[in-house]
């Protein structure tokens, strides 16, 4: 099944923010040989779908603005998204997917090709006694992998009112 890519025009059934070709160019430019080493474009498409699924789950409640249409498959394109860059403010077009969102999807796809982006959670071990050995469980540490580079890349597109805090808690 061919990957259906959102290009900002509210593509019906969109499954990814980036095509295999564009993701491959992104990874080639960054020297990420692991992407090229994947078995086939089918495997790359699957990784891009998993990355997009993760983005929908992780960022849906913290994106700025709102979906252009309630029937669109993905969270982008969005309306009413204002980006601040120092003293400049720019309104993001309602007919695009920002390059940072595309790049984040490509980066997450590489990670998704090697591991589950949202694995089941387990209590982290701090101490546990087995004979003379002991292990403790940490009740306050995050129980999931944080993709800090992705959060920082997407930060301009996330709601200012505690978006990073919400991400840290979720």
Foldseek 3Di string as FASTA:
>chain_A
DAAAEQFQALDPPHQAPEALVVLVVLCVVVVVVLSVVPPDSVLLSVLLNLLQVVCCVLAVVWFPAAQPDPNRDHGPPGAPQWFDDPPDIDGDDSRGDDPLRNSLSSVSSSVSSPDRQWDDFDFAWAWDDDPNGIIHTDPPDDRHDDPVVSCVSCVRRTDPPCRVVVSRVD
